[in-house]
Structures are given as C-alpha cells and as structure tokens.
C-alpha atoms as a PDB file:
ATOM      1  CA  MET A   1     -10.187  -5.432 -43.368  1.00  0.00           C
ATOM      2  CA  SER A   2      -8.758  -8.530 -41.689  1.00  0.00           C
ATOM      3  CA  HIS A   3     -10.642 -10.619 -39.173  1.00  0.00           C
ATOM      4  CA  ALA A   4      -8.025  -9.721 -36.521  1.00  0.00           C
ATOM      5  CA  ALA A   5      -8.482  -6.010 -37.139  1.00  0.00           C
ATOM      6  CA  THR A   6     -12.250  -6.205 -36.775  1.00  0.00           C
ATOM      7  CA  ALA A   7     -11.837  -8.291 -33.607  1.00  0.00           C
ATOM      8  CA  LEU A   8      -9.631  -5.805 -31.777  1.00  0.00           C
ATOM      9  CA  PRO A   9     -12.416  -3.742 -30.168  1.00  0.00           C
ATOM     10  CA  SER A  10     -14.107  -6.780 -28.619  1.00  0.00           C
ATOM     11  CA  VAL A  11     -11.032  -8.463 -27.137  1.00  0.00           C
ATOM     12  CA  PHE A  12     -10.315  -5.618 -24.683  1.00  0.00           C
ATOM     13  CA  ASP A  13     -12.541  -5.134 -21.645  1.00  0.00           C
ATOM     14  CA  ASP A  14     -12.178  -1.433 -20.864  1.00  0.00           C
ATOM     15  CA  SER A  15     -15.033  -1.295 -18.365  1.00  0.00           C
ATOM     16  CA  HIS A  16     -12.899  -1.191 -15.228  1.00  0.00           C
ATOM     17  CA  HIS A  17     -10.423   1.552 -16.178  1.00  0.00           C
ATOM     18  CA  ALA A  18     -10.501   4.979 -17.782  1.00  0.00           C
ATOM     19  CA  ALA A  19     -10.120   4.192 -21.473  1.00  0.00           C
ATOM     20  CA  THR A  20     -11.399   7.442 -22.998  1.00  0.00           C
ATOM     21  CA  THR A  21     -10.496  11.082 -22.435  1.00  0.00           C
ATOM     22  CA  PRO A  22     -13.836  11.954 -20.752  1.00  0.00           C
ATOM     23  CA  ARG A  23     -13.466   8.994 -18.403  1.00  0.00           C
ATOM     24  CA  LYS A  24      -9.876   9.982 -17.649  1.00  0.00           C
ATOM     25  CA  LEU A  25     -10.983  13.526 -16.829  1.00  0.00           C
ATOM     26  CA  TRP A  26     -13.720  12.239 -14.552  1.00  0.00           C
ATOM     27  CA  ARG A  27     -11.268   9.896 -12.817  1.00  0.00           C
ATOM     28  CA  ALA A  28      -8.801  12.762 -12.392  1.00  0.00           C
ATOM     29  CA  LEU A  29     -11.477  14.884 -10.729  1.00  0.00           C
ATOM     30  CA  GLN A  30     -12.363  12.000  -8.420  1.00  0.00           C
ATOM     31  CA  LEU A  31      -8.844  10.960  -7.442  1.00  0.00           C
ATOM     32  CA  GLY A  32      -6.714  14.054  -7.981  1.00  0.00           C
ATOM     33  CA  PRO A  33      -7.558  16.043  -4.833  1.00  0.00           C
ATOM     34  CA  LYS A  34      -7.163  12.990  -2.592  1.00  0.00           C
ATOM     35  CA  TYR A  35      -3.914  12.029  -4.301  1.00  0.00           C
ATOM     36  CA  TYR A  36      -2.265  15.411  -3.815  1.00  0.00           C
ATOM     37  CA  LEU A  37      -3.756  16.432  -0.485  1.00  0.00           C
ATOM     38  CA  TRP A  38      -3.869  13.081   1.331  1.00  0.00           C
ATOM     39  CA  ASP A  39      -1.988  10.260  -0.381  1.00  0.00           C
ATOM     40  CA  LEU A  40       1.222  11.997  -1.440  1.00  0.00           C
ATOM     41  CA  PRO A  41       2.003  13.603   1.957  1.00  0.00           C
ATOM     42  CA  ARG A  42       1.615  10.198   3.600  1.00  0.00           C
ATOM     43  CA  TYR A  43       3.619   8.524   0.865  1.00  0.00           C
ATOM     44  CA  PHE A  44       6.529  10.896   1.482  1.00  0.00           C
ATOM     45  CA  ALA A  45       6.274  10.167   5.200  1.00  0.00           C
ATOM     46  CA  HIS A  46       6.342   6.444   4.446  1.00  0.00           C
ATOM     47  CA  ARG A  47       9.467   6.928   2.342  1.00  0.00           C
ATOM     48  CA  ARG A  48      11.218   8.403   5.338  1.00  0.00           C
ATOM     49  CA  ARG A  49       9.969   5.558   7.512  1.00  0.00           C
ATOM     50  CA  ARG A  50      11.424   3.028   5.039  1.00  0.00           C
ATOM     51  CA  GLN A  51      14.727   4.972   5.009  1.00  0.00           C
ATOM     52  CA  LEU A  52      14.315   6.103   1.424  1.00  0.00           C
ATOM     53  CA  PRO A  53      15.057   9.590   0.102  1.00  0.00           C
ATOM     54  CA  LEU A  54      12.129  11.731   1.158  1.00  0.00           C
ATOM     55  CA  TRP A  55      11.621  13.532  -2.140  1.00  0.00           C
ATOM     56  CA  ASP A  56      10.230  11.660  -5.135  1.00  0.00           C
ATOM     57  CA  VAL A  57       9.440  14.377  -7.629  1.00  0.00           C
ATOM     58  CA  ALA A  58       8.299  11.956 -10.352  1.00  0.00           C
ATOM     59  CA  ALA A  59       5.365  10.895  -8.175  1.00  0.00           C
ATOM     60  CA  LEU A  60       3.923  14.380  -8.601  1.00  0.00           C
ATOM     61  CA  THR A  61       3.207  13.707 -12.266  1.00  0.00           C
ATOM     62  CA  ASN A  62       1.536  10.303 -11.917  1.00  0.00           C
ATOM     63  CA  PRO A  63      -2.039  11.590 -12.446  1.00  0.00           C
ATOM     64  CA  LEU A  64      -0.964  13.124 -15.768  1.00  0.00           C
ATOM     65  CA  ARG A  65       0.564   9.979 -17.230  1.00  0.00           C
ATOM     66  CA  GLU A  66      -2.772   8.454 -18.241  1.00  0.00           C
ATOM     67  CA  PHE A  67      -3.369  11.427 -20.553  1.00  0.00           C
ATOM     68  CA  ARG A  68      -0.328  10.679 -22.691  1.00  0.00           C
ATOM     69  CA  PRO A  69      -0.283   6.905 -23.158  1.00  0.00           C
ATOM     70  CA  LYS A  70       2.126   5.587 -25.759  1.00  0.00           C
ATOM     71  CA  CYS A  71       1.586   2.537 -27.908  1.00  0.00           C
ATOM     72  CA  PRO A  72       4.634   0.946 -29.518  1.00  0.00           C
ATOM     73  CA  ALA A  73       4.820   1.070 -33.289  1.00  0.00           C
ATOM     74  CA  PRO A  74       3.322  -2.068 -34.892  1.00  0.00           C
ATOM     75  CA  ALA A  75       6.777  -3.038 -36.140  1.00  0.00           C
ATOM     76  CA  LEU A  76       7.983  -3.293 -32.531  1.00  0.00           C
ATOM     77  CA  LEU A  77       5.218  -5.688 -31.503  1.00  0.00           C
ATOM     78  CA  PRO A  78       5.593  -9.456 -31.895  1.00  0.00           C
ATOM     79  CA  PRO A  79       4.572 -10.702 -35.333  1.00  0.00           C
ATOM     80  CA  GLN A  80       1.203 -12.501 -35.239  1.00  0.00           C
ATOM     81  CA  TYR A  81       0.010 -10.251 -32.395  1.00  0.00           C
ATOM     82  CA  GLU A  82      -3.288  -9.562 -34.139  1.00  0.00           C
ATOM     83  CA  ALA A  83      -3.684 -13.231 -35.020  1.00  0.00           C
ATOM     84  CA  ALA A  84      -3.274 -14.074 -31.331  1.00  0.00           C
ATOM     85  CA  LEU A  85      -5.937 -11.517 -30.408  1.00  0.00           C
ATOM     86  CA  ALA A  86      -8.234 -13.054 -32.989  1.00  0.00           C
ATOM     87  CA  ARG A  87      -7.775 -16.436 -31.295  1.00  0.00           C
ATOM     88  CA  PHE A  88      -8.735 -14.815 -28.002  1.00  0.00           C
ATOM     89  CA  VAL A  89     -11.960 -13.611 -29.577  1.00  0.00           C
ATOM     90  CA  GLU A  90     -12.694 -17.116 -30.843  1.00  0.00           C
ATOM     91  CA  VAL A  91     -12.095 -18.623 -27.393  1.00  0.00           C
ATOM     92  CA  GLY A  92     -13.991 -15.840 -25.606  1.00  0.00           C
ATOM     93  CA  ILE A  93     -11.093 -14.347 -23.622  1.00  0.00           C
ATOM     94  CA  CYS A  94     -11.076 -10.653 -22.752  1.00  0.00           C
ATOM     95  CA  LEU A  95      -7.992  -8.642 -21.832  1.00  0.00           C
ATOM     96  CA  THR A  96      -8.443  -6.223 -18.942  1.00  0.00           C
ATOM     97  CA  ILE A  97      -5.012  -4.600 -19.265  1.00  0.00           C
ATOM     98  CA  PRO A  98      -5.217  -1.340 -21.264  1.00  0.00           C
ATOM     99  CA  ARG A  99      -4.084  -1.567 -24.872  1.00  0.00           C
ATOM    100  CA  GLU A 100      -1.106   0.754 -24.397  1.00  0.00           C
ATOM    101  CA  ARG A 101       0.288  -1.076 -21.374  1.00  0.00           C
ATOM    102  CA  LEU A 102      -0.181  -4.427 -23.078  1.00  0.00           C
ATOM    103  CA  GLY A 103       1.640  -3.176 -26.161  1.00  0.00           C
ATOM    104  CA  LYS A 104       4.619  -1.992 -24.123  1.00  0.00           C
ATOM    105  CA  LEU A 105       4.716  -5.254 -22.151  1.00  0.00           C
ATOM    106  CA  LEU A 106       4.705  -7.270 -25.367  1.00  0.00           C
ATOM    107  CA  GLN A 107       7.406  -5.045 -26.825  1.00  0.00           C
ATOM    108  CA  VAL A 108       9.637  -5.791 -23.828  1.00  0.00           C
ATOM    109  CA  TRP A 109       8.806  -9.508 -24.027  1.00  0.00           C
ATOM    110  CA  TRP A 110       9.696  -9.582 -27.723  1.00  0.00           C
ATOM    111  CA  GLN A 111      13.031  -7.927 -26.995  1.00  0.00           C
ATOM    112  CA  THR A 112      13.816 -10.693 -24.463  1.00  0.00           C
ATOM    113  CA  ARG A 113      12.802 -13.552 -26.771  1.00  0.00           C
ATOM    114  CA  THR A 114      16.381 -14.792 -27.237  1.00  0.00           C
ATOM    115  CA  ILE A 115      17.019 -14.976 -23.480  1.00  0.00           C
ATOM    116  CA  GLN A 116      16.947 -18.545 -22.142  1.00  0.00           C
ATOM    117  CA  GLY A 117      14.379 -18.144 -19.403  1.00  0.00           C
ATOM    118  CA  ASP A 118      10.718 -18.374 -18.527  1.00  0.00           C
ATOM    119  CA  VAL A 119       8.093 -15.713 -17.808  1.00  0.00           C
ATOM    120  CA  ILE A 120       6.496 -15.106 -14.422  1.00  0.00           C
ATOM    121  CA  GLU A 121       3.467 -12.910 -13.778  1.00  0.00           C
ATOM    122  CA  CYS A 122       3.119 -11.974 -10.114  1.00  0.00           C
ATOM    123  CA  GLY A 123      -0.467 -10.792 -10.000  1.00  0.00           C
ATOM    124  CA  ALA A 124      -2.140 -12.601 -12.890  1.00  0.00           C
ATOM    125  CA  TYR A 125      -5.762 -11.577 -12.113  1.00  0.00           C
ATOM    126  CA  ARG A 126      -7.844 -13.455 -14.737  1.00  0.00           C
ATOM    127  CA  GLY A 127      -4.794 -14.862 -16.495  1.00  0.00           C
ATOM    128  CA  ALA A 128      -5.403 -13.334 -19.932  1.00  0.00           C
ATOM    129  CA  THR A 129      -2.049 -11.575 -20.245  1.00  0.00           C
ATOM    130  CA  SER A 130      -0.186 -14.746 -19.297  1.00  0.00           C
ATOM    131  CA  LEU A 131      -2.203 -16.765 -21.791  1.00  0.00           C
ATOM    132  CA  LEU A 132      -1.384 -14.265 -24.534  1.00  0.00           C
ATOM    133  CA  LEU A 133       2.335 -14.518 -23.767  1.00  0.00           C
ATOM    134  CA  ALA A 134       2.078 -18.304 -23.787  1.00  0.00           C
ATOM    135  CA  LEU A 135       0.253 -18.260 -27.130  1.00  0.00           C
ATOM    136  CA  LEU A 136       2.729 -15.869 -28.739  1.00  0.00           C
ATOM    137  CA  GLY A 137       5.564 -18.005 -27.433  1.00  0.00           C
ATOM    138  CA  LYS A 138       4.012 -21.041 -29.083  1.00  0.00           C
ATOM    139  CA  LEU A 139       3.408 -19.218 -32.353  1.00  0.00           C
ATOM    140  CA  HIS A 140       7.078 -18.242 -32.478  1.00  0.00           C
ATOM    141  CA  GLY A 141       8.500 -21.545 -31.299  1.00  0.00           C
ATOM    142  CA  ILE A 142       9.989 -20.065 -28.124  1.00  0.00           C
ATOM    143  CA  GLU A 143      10.751 -22.695 -25.474  1.00  0.00           C
ATOM    144  CA  GLN A 144       9.290 -20.887 -22.514  1.00  0.00           C
ATOM    145  CA  LYS A 145       6.850 -21.540 -19.704  1.00  0.00           C
ATOM    146  CA  VAL A 146       4.629 -18.843 -18.205  1.00  0.00           C
ATOM    147  CA  PHE A 147       4.077 -18.925 -14.437  1.00  0.00           C
ATOM    148  CA  LEU A 148       0.817 -17.393 -13.170  1.00  0.00           C
ATOM    149  CA  LEU A 149       0.766 -16.393  -9.497  1.00  0.00           C
ATOM    150  CA  ASP A 150      -2.232 -14.838  -7.790  1.00  0.00           C
ATOM    151  CA  THR A 151      -4.671 -15.403  -4.947  1.00  0.00           C
ATOM    152  CA  PHE A 152      -7.347 -15.619  -7.667  1.00  0.00           C
ATOM    153  CA  ALA A 153      -9.624 -14.461  -4.859  1.00  0.00           C
ATOM    154  CA  GLY A 154      -9.051 -10.714  -4.896  1.00  0.00           C
ATOM    155  CA  MET A 155      -6.649  -8.346  -3.176  1.00  0.00           C
ATOM    156  CA  PRO A 156      -5.180  -9.680   0.076  1.00  0.00           C
ATOM    157  CA  ALA A 157      -5.034  -7.534   3.210  1.00  0.00           C
ATOM    158  CA  VAL A 158      -3.635  -4.089   2.464  1.00  0.00           C
ATOM    159  CA  SER A 159      -1.157  -2.268   4.699  1.00  0.00           C
ATOM    160  CA  ALA A 160      -0.854   1.303   5.920  1.00  0.00           C
ATOM    161  CA  TYR A 161       1.319   1.949   2.873  1.00  0.00           C
ATOM    162  CA  ASP A 162      -1.511   1.096   0.447  1.00  0.00           C
ATOM    163  CA  LEU A 163      -3.382   4.378   0.428  1.00  0.00           C
ATOM    164  CA  GLY A 164      -5.431   3.773  -2.707  1.00  0.00           C
ATOM    165  CA  ARG A 165      -6.359   0.102  -2.339  1.00  0.00           C
ATOM    166  CA  GLN A 166      -8.875  -1.968  -0.385  1.00  0.00           C
ATOM    167  CA  ASN A 167      -9.080  -5.594   0.676  1.00  0.00           C
ATOM    168  CA  GLY A 168     -10.800  -7.805  -1.887  1.00  0.00           C
ATOM    169  CA  GLU A 169     -10.326  -5.644  -4.990  1.00  0.00           C
ATOM    170  CA  PHE A 170      -9.885  -7.406  -8.334  1.00  0.00           C
ATOM    171  CA  ARG A 171     -11.866 -10.431  -7.246  1.00  0.00           C
ATOM    172  CA  PRO A 172     -12.462 -12.730 -10.238  1.00  0.00           C
ATOM    173  CA  SER A 173     -15.077 -15.455 -10.453  1.00  0.00           C
ATOM    174  CA  ALA A 174     -14.810 -18.242  -7.904  1.00  0.00           C
ATOM    175  CA  ASP A 175     -13.819 -20.755 -10.581  1.00  0.00           C
ATOM    176  CA  GLN A 176     -11.175 -18.558 -12.237  1.00  0.00           C
ATOM    177  CA  VAL A 177      -8.379 -21.127 -12.058  1.00  0.00           C
ATOM    178  CA  ARG A 178     -10.556 -23.757 -13.712  1.00  0.00           C
ATOM    179  CA  LEU A 179     -11.532 -21.237 -16.358  1.00  0.00           C
ATOM    180  CA  ILE A 180      -7.891 -20.345 -17.095  1.00  0.00           C
ATOM    181  CA  ARG A 181      -7.033 -24.029 -17.521  1.00  0.00           C
ATOM    182  CA  GLN A 182      -9.998 -24.417 -19.857  1.00  0.00           C
ATOM    183  CA  GLN A 183      -8.936 -21.394 -21.896  1.00  0.00           C
ATOM    184  CA  ALA A 184      -5.351 -22.648 -22.051  1.00  0.00           C
ATOM    185  CA  GLU A 185      -6.620 -25.976 -23.377  1.00  0.00           C
ATOM    186  CA  SER A 186      -8.659 -24.206 -26.058  1.00  0.00           C
ATOM    187  CA  LEU A 187      -5.611 -22.161 -27.099  1.00  0.00           C
ATOM    188  CA  GLY A 188      -3.368 -25.221 -27.112  1.00  0.00           C
ATOM    189  CA  VAL A 189      -0.974 -23.828 -24.482  1.00  0.00           C
ATOM    190  CA  SER A 190      -1.779 -25.982 -21.438  1.00  0.00           C
ATOM    191  CA  GLU A 191       1.768 -27.337 -21.315  1.00  0.00           C
ATOM    192  CA  ARG A 192       3.170 -23.798 -21.451  1.00  0.00           C
ATOM    193  CA  ILE A 193       1.510 -22.430 -18.305  1.00  0.00           C
ATOM    194  CA  GLU A 194       1.878 -23.206 -14.621  1.00  0.00           C
ATOM    195  CA  ILE A 195      -0.637 -21.804 -12.128  1.00  0.00           C
ATOM    196  CA  HIS A 196       0.164 -21.180  -8.458  1.00  0.00           C
ATOM    197  CA  GLN A 197      -2.800 -20.017  -6.416  1.00  0.00           C
ATOM    198  CA  GLY A 198      -2.434 -18.343  -3.037  1.00  0.00           C
ATOM    199  CA  LEU A 199      -0.529 -15.605  -1.275  1.00  0.00           C
ATOM    200  CA  PHE A 200       2.980 -15.027  -2.567  1.00  0.00           C
ATOM    201  CA  ALA A 201       4.263 -15.776   0.931  1.00  0.00           C
ATOM    202  CA  ASP A 202       2.861 -19.290   0.514  1.00  0.00           C
ATOM    203  CA  THR A 203       3.573 -19.956  -3.162  1.00  0.00           C
ATOM    204  CA  PHE A 204       7.119 -18.599  -3.494  1.00  0.00           C
ATOM    205  CA  PRO A 205       8.614 -21.038  -0.945  1.00  0.00           C
ATOM    206  CA  ALA A 206       7.367 -23.952  -3.035  1.00  0.00           C
ATOM    207  CA  LEU A 207       9.297 -22.574  -6.031  1.00  0.00           C
ATOM    208  CA  VAL A 208      12.557 -21.732  -4.276  1.00  0.00           C
ATOM    209  CA  ALA A 209      14.007 -25.241  -4.614  1.00  0.00           C
ATOM    210  CA  ARG A 210      13.551 -25.173  -8.384  1.00  0.00           C
ATOM    211  CA  ASP A 211      16.292 -23.668 -10.508  1.00  0.00           C
ATOM    212  CA  LEU A 212      14.007 -21.116 -12.118  1.00  0.00           C
ATOM    213  CA  GLN A 213      15.377 -18.418 -14.363  1.00  0.00           C
ATOM    214  CA  PHE A 214      13.325 -15.749 -16.069  1.00  0.00           C
ATOM    215  CA  ALA A 215      13.614 -13.756 -19.258  1.00  0.00           C
ATOM    216  CA  LEU A 216      10.673 -11.562 -18.254  1.00  0.00           C
ATOM    217  CA  VAL A 217       9.159 -10.766 -14.884  1.00  0.00           C
ATOM    218  CA  HIS A 218       5.806  -8.960 -14.813  1.00  0.00           C
ATOM    219  CA  ILE A 219       4.830  -7.658 -11.366  1.00  0.00           C
ATOM    220  CA  ASP A 220       1.272  -6.395 -10.995  1.00  0.00           C
ATOM    221  CA  ALA A 221       0.534  -6.858  -7.311  1.00  0.00           C
ATOM    222  CA  ASN A 222      -0.717  -3.289  -6.663  1.00  0.00           C
ATOM    223  CA  ILE A 223       0.134  -3.346  -2.951  1.00  0.00           C
ATOM    224  CA  TYR A 224       3.291  -2.939  -0.889  1.00  0.00           C
ATOM    225  CA  GLN A 225       3.745  -6.382   0.664  1.00  0.00           C
ATOM    226  CA  GLY A 226       2.993  -8.460  -2.416  1.00  0.00           C
ATOM    227  CA  THR A 227       5.143  -6.240  -4.617  1.00  0.00           C
ATOM    228  CA  LEU A 228       8.103  -6.390  -2.237  1.00  0.00           C
ATOM    229  CA  GLU A 229       7.836 -10.174  -1.966  1.00  0.00           C
ATOM    230  CA  ALA A 230       7.630 -10.497  -5.751  1.00  0.00           C
ATOM    231  CA  CYS A 231      10.715  -8.313  -6.214  1.00  0.00           C
ATOM    232  CA  HIS A 232      12.765 -10.341  -3.741  1.00  0.00           C
ATOM    233  CA  PHE A 233      11.777 -13.651  -5.325  1.00  0.00           C
ATOM    234  CA  ALA A 234      11.676 -12.935  -9.040  1.00  0.00           C
ATOM    235  CA  ILE A 235      14.186 -10.201  -9.857  1.00  0.00           C
ATOM    236  CA  PRO A 236      17.306 -12.083  -8.660  1.00  0.00           C
ATOM    237  CA  ARG A 237      16.249 -14.909 -10.995  1.00  0.00           C
ATOM    238  CA  ILE A 238      16.215 -12.743 -14.140  1.00  0.00           C
ATOM    239  CA  ARG A 239      18.798 -13.802 -16.701  1.00  0.00           C
ATOM    240  CA  PRO A 240      21.254 -11.188 -18.024  1.00  0.00           C
ATOM    241  CA  GLY A 241      19.512  -9.232 -20.761  1.00  0.00           C
ATOM    242  CA  GLY A 242      16.097  -9.957 -19.283  1.00  0.00           C
ATOM    243  CA  ALA A 243      13.664  -7.426 -17.859  1.00  0.00           C
ATOM    244  CA  ALA A 244      11.181  -6.701 -15.099  1.00  0.00           C
ATOM    245  CA  VAL A 245       8.013  -4.780 -15.962  1.00  0.00           C
ATOM    246  CA  PHE A 246       6.063  -3.153 -13.140  1.00  0.00           C
ATOM    247  CA  ASP A 247       2.481  -2.567 -14.200  1.00  0.00           C
ATOM    248  CA  ASP A 248       1.623  -0.152 -11.405  1.00  0.00           C
ATOM    249  CA  TYR A 249       4.869   1.686 -10.561  1.00  0.00           C
ATOM    250  CA  ASN A 250       3.378   5.023 -11.635  1.00  0.00           C
ATOM    251  CA  GLY A 251      -0.205   4.232 -10.653  1.00  0.00           C
ATOM    252  CA  VAL A 252      -2.236   6.856  -8.827  1.00  0.00           C
ATOM    253  CA  CYS A 253      -3.751   4.210  -6.548  1.00  0.00           C
ATOM    254  CA  ASP A 254      -0.573   2.173  -6.154  1.00  0.00           C
ATOM    255  CA  LEU A 255       1.870   4.239  -4.119  1.00  0.00           C
ATOM    256  CA  GLY A 256       2.422   1.223  -1.868  1.00  0.00           C
ATOM    257  CA  ALA A 257       3.733  -0.757  -4.849  1.00  0.00           C
ATOM    258  CA  ARG A 258       5.968   2.160  -5.864  1.00  0.00           C
ATOM    259  CA  LEU A 259       7.328   2.330  -2.326  1.00  0.00           C
ATOM    260  CA  ALA A 260       8.140  -1.400  -2.352  1.00  0.00           C
ATOM    261  CA  ILE A 261       9.919  -1.220  -5.725  1.00  0.00           C
ATOM    262  CA  ASP A 262      12.025   1.774  -4.693  1.00  0.00           C
ATOM    263  CA  GLU A 263      12.837   0.034  -1.417  1.00  0.00           C
ATOM    264  CA  TYR A 264      13.992  -3.093  -3.232  1.00  0.00           C
ATOM    265  CA  PHE A 265      16.302  -1.137  -5.561  1.00  0.00           C
ATOM    266  CA  ALA A 266      17.414   1.414  -2.943  1.00  0.00           C
ATOM    267  CA  ASN A 267      20.996   0.178  -2.632  1.00  0.00           C
ATOM    268  CA  GLN A 268      21.425  -0.813  -6.269  1.00  0.00           C
ATOM    269  CA  GLY A 269      21.374   2.586  -7.945  1.00  0.00           C
ATOM    270  CA  VAL A 270      18.443   1.482 -10.102  1.00  0.00           C
ATOM    271  CA  LYS A 271      15.315   3.458 -10.945  1.00  0.00           C
ATOM    272  CA  PRO A 272      12.530   1.953 -13.099  1.00  0.00           C
ATOM    273  CA  GLN A 273      12.100   3.731 -16.408  1.00  0.00           C
ATOM    274  CA  ALA A 274       8.585   4.728 -17.459  1.00  0.00           C
ATOM    275  CA  LEU A 275       6.966   2.745 -20.270  1.00  0.00           C
ATOM    276  CA  THR A 276       3.451   4.134 -20.641  1.00  0.00           C
ATOM    277  CA  ALA A 277       0.783   5.372 -18.241  1.00  0.00           C
ATOM    278  CA  SER A 278       1.405   3.546 -14.943  1.00  0.00           C
ATOM    279  CA  SER A 279       3.935   0.965 -16.138  1.00  0.00           C
ATOM    280  CA  ALA A 280       7.723   1.010 -15.853  1.00  0.00           C
ATOM    281  CA  CYS A 281      10.630  -1.301 -16.630  1.00  0.00           C
ATOM    282  CA  VAL A 282      14.075  -2.331 -15.421  1.00  0.00           C
ATOM    283  CA  TRP A 283      16.486  -4.158 -17.728  1.00  0.00           C
ATOM    284  CA  LEU A 284      19.146  -6.476 -16.341  1.00  0.00           C
ATOM    285  CA  PRO A 285      22.491  -5.723 -18.009  1.00  0.00           C
ATOM    286  CA  GLU A 286      23.634  -8.329 -20.486  1.00  0.00           C
ATOM    287  CA  SER A 287      26.540 -10.488 -19.449  1.00  0.00           C
ATOM    288  CA  THR A 288      29.947  -9.250 -20.597  1.00  0.00           C
ATOM    289  CA  SER A 289      31.676 -12.593 -20.106  1.00  0.00           C
END
C-alpha cells in the first residue's frame, strides 16, 4: 500500500460534519423537523419577497442528499491527487471539506485546467482547499493563482434569510492567515496564492480595478449576503468554459445561500446542477467565436 493511500484517513477532519451513516441519521433527526416545519415555509415566503418563483420543489429533498453522496471515479480526479494529500499530511494540514464534495470540486477544476484564468474561493475558512488547488496547479504546471477570501474570523452577521446559521460560526484560530502563509511556504506555493481578509463588501472593491478572470469560482459563504456579493463579483469574471461551484446550494442549513444564488440567476434561465450532497455547479458556455 502506498504512503498516500495510508495517509488518506488522517488528512480529512470529519469532526464537524456528519461523515458516517449513524451521524447522518442523528443529524437528520435533529435538523429534519425544523427544516420542514420552520425553515422551508419561511424560505418559500422569502422567495416571494425576493420576487422569485414561490415553489422550489428541489429544496424538499435537501435533507436526503447527504445519504447518497457521490465520489468521482479516480480516473476523473487530477493525477497526483493522492500525492498532494500525502504532502498535506507531511505539512500537517487537514481538510474540513467532506471527501465527496472535495472530489467533485477537483473534478470540475481539472475539467477547467485549459481555461486561461485564476481560481477564487469566496469563503476559504482555514484555506486548505485553496492550498490543495494551488499545489495541484503547481504539480501540473498550470499558470494559475488562487485567491482566498474570507473574514478568517467566523461568520459575519446573518440576515433574516439565514434560517440555519448564526453569527460567528466557522471561526478559525486567531492567527489563521499567518498559518495559511506558513503552510503555503511549506508546500512551495506561496507565489500561487493571494489572501484577502475581511468582509466581501470591503475586499471586492479592492479587486475591481484589476483585470481578473477566473477559470473556477468556488463560493462557500453559507449566508445570503455574502453569497449574493460573491456571485455579483466573481461569476461575471468567469472565462468561457469555466465554472462556478457552490458548496452549499443544497445545504440544509444554507437556504439563505440558495436564495441568493437563485436570485442572481433569476433572469438568466440558469439553474445550478447538483454535484454531490450540498454542492452544485454552473458551467459558463464555451465561446463559439
């Protein structure tokens, strides 16, 4: 057995999400009644308030999606994926994104590898996913920078649309930005990442003047306002053939994010397509010129 294969269990930190069937059942019993009896009726009311179609039948199945996660076939993942995970183990980096969602994200990234554009992660949390994309880009000689945007201080103020979230969630250590820079140095990808700390409303304006174009946009803001701001900034900058992945579009606790995404695409005839569990994706059509 290879070193990378033996390292796989230790590189994923599954402590903060339901990673096993018993834990998923327990989570369903905790969240299910509230979701159907409290959150969904208010979500439908919010859709009307935001002038969206009232009925969103797919939202009814969100609690079931975690029970049928789908991992991409190994052949669809970037080559050297396991080697990159092994490097994470050596450096001491843990991934908090579930294995299935990471696999689908990497599959999308690999499909966009020929697109001339960077990667932006709006909601980077501890930065591990961005560092992995930067490392894989280096291993494959892809000229691409990864932008990490987050408060790095936990969830900002939630709105009335954010029925399953609370202020201050996902708060990393106080020195998280320093730690990410240290980890990037250890991985040899310091020149491939760019960190922007603060609210999106403060960090996006500083990037507007730059002619940024993206091959992949990963939005994982969890709440309505941050998700809507990320959509408005990042999606128009996606190159033809690129993609946007929404980590929490089908999340049981993230109906505010779903509302924001549907609001952004309301007049475009676009609906995100499910990837696995809570994640979904939109592909930008390739140029025909």
